[in-house]
Structure formats: C-alpha cells, structure tokens
Protein backbone atom coordinates (compact mmCIF):
# COMPACT_ATOMS: atom_id res chain seq x y z
CA UNK A 1 80.86 316.60 262.38
CA UNK A 2 82.23 319.08 259.51
CA UNK A 3 84.65 316.46 258.93
CA UNK A 4 82.08 313.96 257.83
CA UNK A 5 79.87 316.76 256.08
CA UNK A 6 83.07 317.13 253.84
CA UNK A 7 83.28 313.64 253.01
CA UNK A 8 79.43 313.42 252.34
CA UNK A 9 80.14 316.26 249.90
CA UNK A 10 83.06 314.53 247.89
CA UNK A 11 81.29 311.29 247.39
CA UNK A 12 78.43 313.55 245.86
CA UNK A 13 80.73 315.46 244.08
CA UNK A 14 82.20 312.04 242.35
CA UNK A 15 78.64 310.53 241.64
CA UNK A 16 77.65 313.73 239.81
CA UNK A 17 80.66 314.19 237.78
CA UNK A 18 80.65 310.29 237.18
CA UNK A 19 77.45 310.59 235.71
CA UNK A 20 76.88 313.86 234.74
CA UNK A 21 80.31 314.62 232.84
CA UNK A 22 80.33 313.35 229.16
CA UNK A 23 82.51 310.36 227.92
CA UNK A 24 84.72 312.83 226.05
CA UNK A 25 85.11 315.29 228.67
CA UNK A 26 86.10 312.11 231.11
CA UNK A 27 88.49 310.48 228.44
CA UNK A 28 90.74 314.18 227.61
CA UNK A 29 90.67 315.09 231.36
CA UNK A 30 90.82 311.92 233.51
CA UNK A 31 91.62 308.91 231.58
CA UNK A 32 94.31 310.38 229.31
CA UNK A 33 95.16 313.36 231.31
CA UNK A 34 94.72 312.66 236.14
CA UNK A 35 94.78 308.76 235.69
CA UNK A 36 98.08 308.57 234.35
CA UNK A 37 99.61 310.49 236.80
CA UNK A 38 97.85 308.28 239.28
CA UNK A 39 99.12 305.19 237.70
CA UNK A 40 102.95 306.88 238.16
CA UNK A 41 102.01 307.17 241.97
CA UNK A 42 101.36 303.90 242.58
CA UNK A 43 103.47 302.53 240.12
CA UNK A 44 106.55 304.10 240.95
CA UNK A 45 105.40 304.72 245.07
CA UNK A 46 104.48 301.51 245.98
CA UNK A 47 104.85 298.93 243.50
CA UNK A 48 108.04 297.75 244.83
CA UNK A 49 106.07 296.41 248.39
CA UNK A 50 107.16 292.95 248.61
CA UNK A 51 103.20 291.78 249.72
CA UNK A 52 100.39 292.13 247.56
CA UNK A 53 98.85 295.74 248.54
CA UNK A 54 95.26 294.21 248.83
CA UNK A 55 96.43 292.14 251.95
CA UNK A 56 98.07 295.37 253.14
CA UNK A 57 94.24 297.23 252.67
CA UNK A 58 92.48 294.72 254.08
CA UNK A 59 94.92 294.65 257.30
CA UNK A 60 94.33 298.03 257.42
CA UNK A 61 90.80 298.25 257.19
CA UNK A 62 90.54 295.45 260.02
CA UNK A 63 92.38 297.60 262.71
CA UNK A 64 90.53 300.82 261.57
CA UNK A 65 87.08 298.98 262.10
CA UNK A 66 88.28 297.53 265.40
CA UNK A 67 89.81 300.60 266.23
CA UNK A 68 86.40 302.42 265.74
CA UNK A 69 84.71 299.65 268.18
CA UNK A 70 86.70 300.46 270.70
CA UNK A 71 86.14 304.30 270.63
CA UNK A 72 82.35 303.64 270.39
CA UNK A 73 80.48 305.50 273.63
CA UNK A 74 77.94 302.27 273.49
CA UNK A 75 76.36 304.17 276.30
CA UNK A 76 74.71 306.69 273.75
CA UNK A 77 74.71 305.25 270.55
CA UNK A 78 71.03 304.56 271.23
CA UNK A 79 70.20 308.08 271.72
CA UNK A 80 68.70 310.61 269.32
CA UNK A 81 72.01 312.17 268.57
CA UNK A 82 74.15 309.07 269.12
CA UNK A 83 72.02 307.47 265.94
CA UNK A 84 72.26 310.26 263.86
CA UNK A 85 76.05 310.22 264.40
CA UNK A 86 76.20 306.95 263.54
CA UNK A 87 74.44 307.55 260.54
CA UNK A 88 76.15 310.33 259.44
CA UNK A 89 79.59 308.80 260.51
CA UNK A 90 78.20 305.58 258.24
CA UNK A 91 77.24 308.13 255.51
CA UNK A 92 80.71 309.65 255.42
CA UNK A 93 82.39 306.32 255.21
CA UNK A 94 80.29 305.26 252.10
CA UNK A 95 80.35 308.18 250.34
CA UNK A 96 84.40 308.56 251.08
CA UNK A 97 84.81 304.80 249.46
CA UNK A 98 82.85 306.30 246.40
CA UNK A 99 84.86 309.49 246.07
CA UNK A 100 88.33 307.47 246.20
CA UNK A 101 87.08 304.86 244.12
CA UNK A 102 85.89 307.48 241.40
CA UNK A 103 89.05 309.40 241.47
CA UNK A 104 91.65 306.57 241.43
CA UNK A 105 90.06 304.67 238.71
CA UNK A 106 85.90 304.66 238.54
CA UNK A 107 85.81 307.20 236.27
CA UNK A 108 87.23 305.57 233.48
CA UNK A 109 83.71 303.45 233.25
CA UNK A 110 82.58 306.81 231.92
CA UNK A 111 85.25 307.45 228.97
CA UNK A 112 84.58 306.67 225.22
CA UNK A 113 84.83 302.54 225.43
CA UNK A 114 87.70 300.71 223.27
CA UNK A 115 85.39 299.83 220.61
CA UNK A 116 84.49 302.83 219.51
CA UNK A 117 87.72 304.55 219.27
CA UNK A 118 88.88 301.65 217.34
CA UNK A 119 86.11 301.45 215.24
CA UNK A 120 85.30 297.69 216.03
CA UNK A 121 81.98 296.83 215.30
CA UNK A 122 81.16 293.72 217.07
CA UNK A 123 77.54 291.63 216.22
CA UNK A 124 76.11 288.34 217.76
CA UNK A 125 77.66 285.04 216.19
CA UNK A 126 75.13 282.67 214.53
CA UNK A 127 75.33 278.80 215.74
CA UNK A 128 77.35 277.82 212.36
CA UNK A 129 79.68 280.76 213.29
CA UNK A 130 80.05 279.50 216.89
CA UNK A 131 80.64 275.91 215.45
CA UNK A 132 83.38 277.43 212.55
CA UNK A 133 85.11 279.55 214.83
CA UNK A 134 85.92 276.72 217.51
CA UNK A 135 86.93 274.64 214.44
CA UNK A 136 89.53 277.36 213.15
CA UNK A 137 90.66 278.06 217.05
CA UNK A 138 91.37 274.65 217.79
CA UNK A 139 93.88 274.35 214.78
CA UNK A 140 95.67 277.48 216.38
CA UNK A 141 95.67 276.00 219.63
CA UNK A 142 97.02 272.52 219.20
CA UNK A 143 99.55 273.98 216.66
CA UNK A 144 100.50 276.31 219.93
CA UNK A 145 100.39 273.49 222.08
CA UNK A 146 102.60 271.42 219.44
CA UNK A 147 105.38 274.20 220.29
CA UNK A 148 105.37 273.25 223.93
CA UNK A 149 105.04 269.71 223.87
CA UNK A 150 104.43 267.80 220.76
CA UNK A 151 103.81 264.09 221.45
CA UNK A 152 102.58 264.16 224.80
CA UNK A 153 99.82 263.01 225.77
CA UNK A 154 99.66 264.09 229.01
CA UNK A 155 98.65 267.58 230.35
CA UNK A 156 101.57 270.10 230.10
CA UNK A 157 104.21 270.45 233.16
CA UNK A 158 103.01 273.18 235.78
CA UNK A 159 107.21 274.34 235.12
CA UNK A 160 106.31 275.93 232.02
CA UNK A 161 104.83 278.60 233.59
CA UNK A 162 107.95 281.21 233.13
CA UNK A 163 109.32 283.12 236.38
CA UNK A 164 109.20 286.65 234.96
CA UNK A 165 105.31 286.16 233.77
CA UNK A 166 104.15 289.41 235.32
CA UNK A 167 106.96 291.05 232.91
CA UNK A 168 106.31 289.32 230.37
CA UNK A 169 102.31 289.96 230.18
CA UNK A 170 102.93 293.77 231.02
CA UNK A 171 105.02 294.07 228.46
CA UNK A 172 102.33 292.84 225.83
CA UNK A 173 99.53 294.45 227.44
CA UNK A 174 101.88 297.53 227.06
CA UNK A 175 102.62 296.64 223.31
CA UNK A 176 98.87 295.99 222.62
CA UNK A 177 97.52 299.45 224.08
CA UNK A 178 99.59 301.35 222.07
CA UNK A 179 99.47 299.83 218.97
CA UNK A 180 95.87 300.63 219.90
CA UNK A 181 96.74 304.08 220.24
CA UNK A 182 95.83 304.07 224.16
CA UNK A 183 98.30 306.08 226.52
CA UNK A 184 100.43 303.84 228.85
CA UNK A 185 101.67 305.11 232.16
CA UNK A 186 103.76 303.42 234.92
CA UNK A 187 103.92 299.81 235.38
CA UNK A 188 100.81 298.08 236.51
CA UNK A 189 101.47 295.00 238.89
CA UNK A 190 99.59 291.58 238.43
CA UNK A 191 100.32 289.69 241.52
CA UNK A 192 99.75 285.70 241.70
CA UNK A 193 98.03 285.56 245.34
CA UNK A 194 99.54 282.71 247.40
CA UNK A 195 96.25 282.38 249.09
CA UNK A 196 94.52 279.30 246.47
CA UNK A 197 90.45 279.75 246.31
CA UNK A 198 89.90 283.12 248.17
CA UNK A 199 88.96 284.23 244.94
CA UNK A 200 87.77 281.69 242.46
CA UNK A 201 85.33 280.61 245.50
CA UNK A 202 83.43 283.80 244.05
CA UNK A 203 83.30 283.01 240.44
CA UNK A 204 86.36 285.56 240.24
CA UNK A 205 89.74 283.95 238.90
CA UNK A 206 91.34 287.52 239.27
CA UNK A 207 90.19 291.23 240.77
CA UNK A 208 91.66 294.74 240.07
CA UNK A 209 91.49 296.48 243.51
CA UNK A 210 91.61 300.53 242.53
CA UNK A 211 92.20 301.70 246.04
CA UNK A 212 95.98 299.99 246.23
CA UNK A 213 96.28 300.10 242.31
CA UNK A 214 97.31 296.35 241.76
CA UNK A 215 95.44 293.59 239.62
CA UNK A 216 95.83 290.19 241.48
CA UNK A 217 95.15 286.38 240.21
CA UNK A 218 94.18 283.77 242.10
CA UNK A 219 96.57 281.26 243.10
CA UNK A 220 94.82 278.44 242.83
CA UNK A 221 94.50 278.92 238.65
CA UNK A 222 95.51 275.88 237.05
CA UNK A 223 99.09 277.58 235.61
CA UNK A 224 97.50 277.60 231.49
CA UNK A 225 95.10 280.26 232.81
CA UNK A 226 97.19 281.93 234.82
CA UNK A 227 98.80 284.40 231.80
CA UNK A 228 95.70 285.41 229.99
CA UNK A 229 94.37 286.05 233.47
CA UNK A 230 97.15 288.33 234.33
CA UNK A 231 96.78 290.17 231.00
CA UNK A 232 92.73 290.76 231.72
CA UNK A 233 93.93 292.34 234.91
CA UNK A 234 96.84 294.30 234.01
CA UNK A 235 94.71 295.53 231.20
CA UNK A 236 92.09 296.86 234.08
CA UNK A 237 94.95 298.41 235.90
CA UNK A 238 95.66 300.31 232.44
CA UNK A 239 92.09 302.56 232.44
CA UNK A 240 89.96 299.59 230.85
CA UNK A 241 86.95 298.81 232.88
CA UNK A 242 84.95 296.56 230.84
CA UNK A 243 85.15 292.99 231.40
CA UNK A 244 84.71 291.58 227.51
CA UNK A 245 87.08 294.24 226.34
CA UNK A 246 89.28 293.25 229.26
CA UNK A 247 89.10 289.51 227.57
CA UNK A 248 89.72 290.80 224.40
CA UNK A 249 93.08 293.16 224.96
CA UNK A 250 94.01 289.88 227.07
CA UNK A 251 93.93 287.69 224.02
CA UNK A 252 95.45 289.68 221.82
CA UNK A 253 98.26 290.39 224.14
CA UNK A 254 98.83 286.83 224.68
CA UNK A 255 99.34 286.06 221.04
CA UNK A 256 102.13 289.25 221.09
CA UNK A 257 103.90 287.27 223.50
CA UNK A 258 107.48 286.20 222.38
CA UNK A 259 106.54 283.47 225.39
CA UNK A 260 105.13 279.97 223.59
CA UNK A 261 103.47 279.06 226.85
CA UNK A 262 101.48 282.97 227.15
CA UNK A 263 100.12 282.19 223.61
CA UNK A 264 98.87 279.00 224.74
CA UNK A 265 97.50 280.53 227.32
CA UNK A 266 95.81 282.89 225.32
CA UNK A 267 94.24 280.27 222.96
CA UNK A 268 93.13 278.07 225.35
CA UNK A 269 91.35 280.63 227.46
CA UNK A 270 89.83 281.74 224.12
CA UNK A 271 88.90 278.46 223.10
CA UNK A 272 86.86 277.65 226.30
CA UNK A 273 84.71 280.54 225.75
CA UNK A 274 83.87 279.42 222.45
CA UNK A 275 83.61 275.88 223.84
CA UNK A 276 81.33 276.87 226.79
CA UNK A 277 79.17 279.11 224.45
CA UNK A 278 78.69 276.21 221.60
CA UNK A 279 78.18 273.24 224.18
CA UNK A 280 75.30 275.50 225.53
CA UNK A 281 73.24 275.54 222.31
CA UNK A 282 74.18 272.33 220.65
CA UNK A 283 75.81 269.88 223.80
CA UNK A 284 75.34 266.67 222.03
CA UNK A 285 77.56 267.98 218.79
CA UNK A 286 80.03 269.26 221.26
CA UNK A 287 80.78 266.10 222.92
CA UNK A 288 81.18 264.71 219.67
CA UNK A 289 83.81 266.86 218.56
CA UNK A 290 85.21 267.52 221.77
CA UNK A 291 86.59 263.39 221.28
CA UNK A 292 88.03 264.23 218.06
CA UNK A 293 90.50 266.09 220.24
CA UNK A 294 94.27 265.09 220.82
CA UNK A 295 94.90 263.10 224.31
CA UNK A 296 97.32 265.98 225.70
CA UNK A 297 94.87 268.93 224.73
CA UNK A 298 91.84 266.78 226.59
CA UNK A 299 94.23 266.33 229.29
CA UNK A 300 94.85 270.14 229.51
CA UNK A 301 91.15 271.00 229.94
CA UNK A 302 90.70 267.97 231.98
CA UNK A 303 92.93 269.34 234.77
CA UNK A 304 91.81 272.91 234.50
CA UNK A 305 88.20 271.22 234.89
CA UNK A 306 89.31 269.25 238.10
CA UNK A 307 90.87 272.47 239.62
CA UNK A 308 87.89 274.31 238.87
CA UNK A 309 85.82 271.72 240.69
CA UNK A 310 88.47 272.02 243.90
CA UNK A 311 86.90 275.44 244.18
CA UNK A 312 83.02 275.52 244.40
CA UNK A 313 81.16 278.67 244.70
CA UNK A 314 79.93 280.38 247.65
CA UNK A 315 76.48 281.68 247.14
CA UNK A 316 76.84 281.65 243.18
CA UNK A 317 73.60 283.54 242.36
CA UNK A 318 73.83 286.20 245.03
CA UNK A 319 77.50 287.43 243.98
CA UNK A 320 75.87 286.92 240.02
CA UNK A 321 72.77 289.23 240.61
CA UNK A 322 75.43 291.48 242.60
CA UNK A 323 77.88 292.04 240.32
CA UNK A 324 75.72 291.69 237.28
CA UNK A 325 73.79 295.13 239.02
CA UNK A 326 77.31 296.75 239.50
CA UNK A 327 78.37 296.63 236.22
CA UNK A 328 75.21 297.54 234.70
CA UNK A 329 75.13 300.64 237.38
CA UNK A 330 78.38 301.62 235.67
CA UNK A 331 77.26 301.64 231.94
CA UNK A 332 77.84 298.15 231.11
CA UNK A 333 74.40 297.24 229.50
CA UNK A 334 75.89 293.50 229.23
CA UNK A 335 76.34 293.02 232.56
CA UNK A 336 78.01 289.87 233.67
CA UNK A 337 77.25 289.02 229.95
CA UNK A 338 80.12 291.20 228.70
CA UNK A 339 82.74 289.06 229.76
CA UNK A 340 81.55 286.39 226.79
CA UNK A 341 81.53 289.03 224.14
CA UNK A 342 85.43 288.21 223.76
CA UNK A 343 84.01 286.03 220.68
CA UNK A 344 82.12 288.90 219.27
CA UNK A 345 85.16 291.26 219.44
CA UNK A 346 87.63 288.86 218.42
CA UNK A 347 85.93 287.61 215.47
CA UNK A 348 84.95 291.46 214.47
CA UNK A 349 88.58 292.23 214.63
CA UNK A 350 89.90 289.54 212.54
CA UNK A 351 87.79 289.67 209.63
CA UNK A 352 88.26 293.46 209.72
CA UNK A 353 92.25 292.64 209.56
CA UNK A 354 91.71 290.52 206.50
CA UNK A 355 88.96 292.65 205.09
CA UNK A 356 85.52 290.62 205.49
CA UNK A 357 82.23 292.74 206.05
CA UNK A 358 83.65 295.98 205.16
CA UNK A 359 80.54 297.96 204.11
C-alpha cells in the first residue's frame, strides 16, 4: 500500500511540475541541466546494446504483466478490498509511467520553444507562395538527384543508402543544434527497426521512445525517406518535442550532410510536404505540374507512394484523434497539424537568411 501511494505521489508531482513550472525554469534546470545527464546516461550506459531497446522494453513489460496476472489472487479480486487494491495498483502503474515519462524526456514539452529561442517568425503561406515554394524546391531537389544519377529514368538503387547512415545523420543533427546554440550531450541512437510496417500501419514512420532513450524508424520505409526520418527522431532524442520543429531540424540537418543521398532525402521529403499541401488546394494544377517533372524523379515518387500503400493504416481516425489530443495536451496547439508547419518554418528561415521580411 505504501509503495503504491509513493508512486501515485510521484506521478502527481510530475504533473504539477510539468504544468506549473515556467518555461524558463524548465529550460534552464531540466532541458539544459538534468536532461543532459539523462541523455549521457542512456547513450553511454545502454547505447551499445545490439538490439533496439524498444523490443527489450516491451518484452520486459509483457513478462511483468504475465507475472502480475499469475500472482493475482482471483478469489478476492471482486471483493471490496480487492477492487480497492486493484484501483490503487492501476493508479500506481499509470502514475509511475507518467513520472518516468516526464523525468526522462517529457518535461521538454514545457521548455522555451526553439522558434522563440532563435527568433524565427513563421507565418501562414498563401497559395501563390506555396506554388512558388514548390517550384523553387523542385529546382533544388532535381539538382540533388543529378548528383546521384544524372541520366537515369528509373528509381534510385537502394544500395545508395549509406551503411553508416545513423552516424552521418547524428553528426548532421548535432552540428545543426550546436549552430542554433542548443546543447548537445551524449550520442542519441537512431535505429532502423527490422520489423517492417509495425509503425507505418499506425501512420507513423518513426518514434522516439523516452523510456529507453532511443529513436526508431520503420524498416519498411523506402530508403529515400529513411535519412530524413532518422534526423527527425534524433532531434527528438536531443530534447526537441514539437513535430514540426523536428521536421524543420531534419531538413536543415540533411542539407548540412556531406552525403549526397542524405541531402536528397531531406529535399525529397520537404518537397513531398509542399506537394501534398499544394494539391490539397489546387489538385488539377498540381497534376499538370507533376507531368512536367523528369522521369527519374517521378519514379522515386511513385516507388515511395507504392511502398506506403503496402502498409495501410489500422484505425487511422482513432489514431489521429488520440495523438492529436496528446500533442495538444502537451502544449502543442496545432496538434497533428504541427507536422506540416515545416513549410512555414523553412520559408521563414530562408527569408531571414537573405534579409527578406525584416521589420
């Protein structure tokens, strides 16, 4: 009983600190202090483990659940005392999960947003500007593809994905964060899961699991998408919680990389975000524009789309509603829409770089 009450108390404490502490306090004490030591502990303590730790986590969770079921006194479960004990056990379990979630990573939701720290002013993009952005990025992504396959009309071979893609992406993400005056500690792992489709069937290409301190991406992803997605999950690992900002950082990191395939991955994924947004408002115009693109680039787009179709969503509306509510509960008012904010962020970043729109 006493142990259960302690866990409930820790869960309540975590909630109070998360929602009552000021962003400035969380930023200085946790995000730039405690969290950096947690990061080092994960990376230098268990980062060497040869198997993705998310598998180990769920294996241990299942073992613990089976053990608890075996130990349960089923005869007394539905008595008044048994029901009270079950409710306390459940509350203690949920509270323990909340405490460790916040302590190991989740307090970062309350930190000062990166866009505020770097003074970036993102604003909505008009349809005409969206088309202009699509045309501008098309030039860049086609030039990046030319570095890999100047004349080919088929999709890029999968063996172009570098074997050390995790290390290359980590280096690029760290350099990007340091250039923005963000502290970097440890060496976050970003693993490609050998199980294909386990995340994609829930409309997710990757996940950062705070309980083991690792980023994971779905092994079923097309290789062209993998470097960008790895950079996204690694950004989470270094304490960035907003999905749109992680996309933004993944784009910047990919462009910093010395590897041409990673640069192409970043541009391709950004191009697809713009294209999806543009065709939502101007479908016919987008289809006409798409027909003007080179065959090799279209082959890459087609193979990505066909690959995504191999892993249809399971209960997509329920998953969307649940994750949307979760993001909003953590202070991200855009919810799921934050993913596509990459377009506004990249435009604001590049406009500031050339001095456009300064007050």
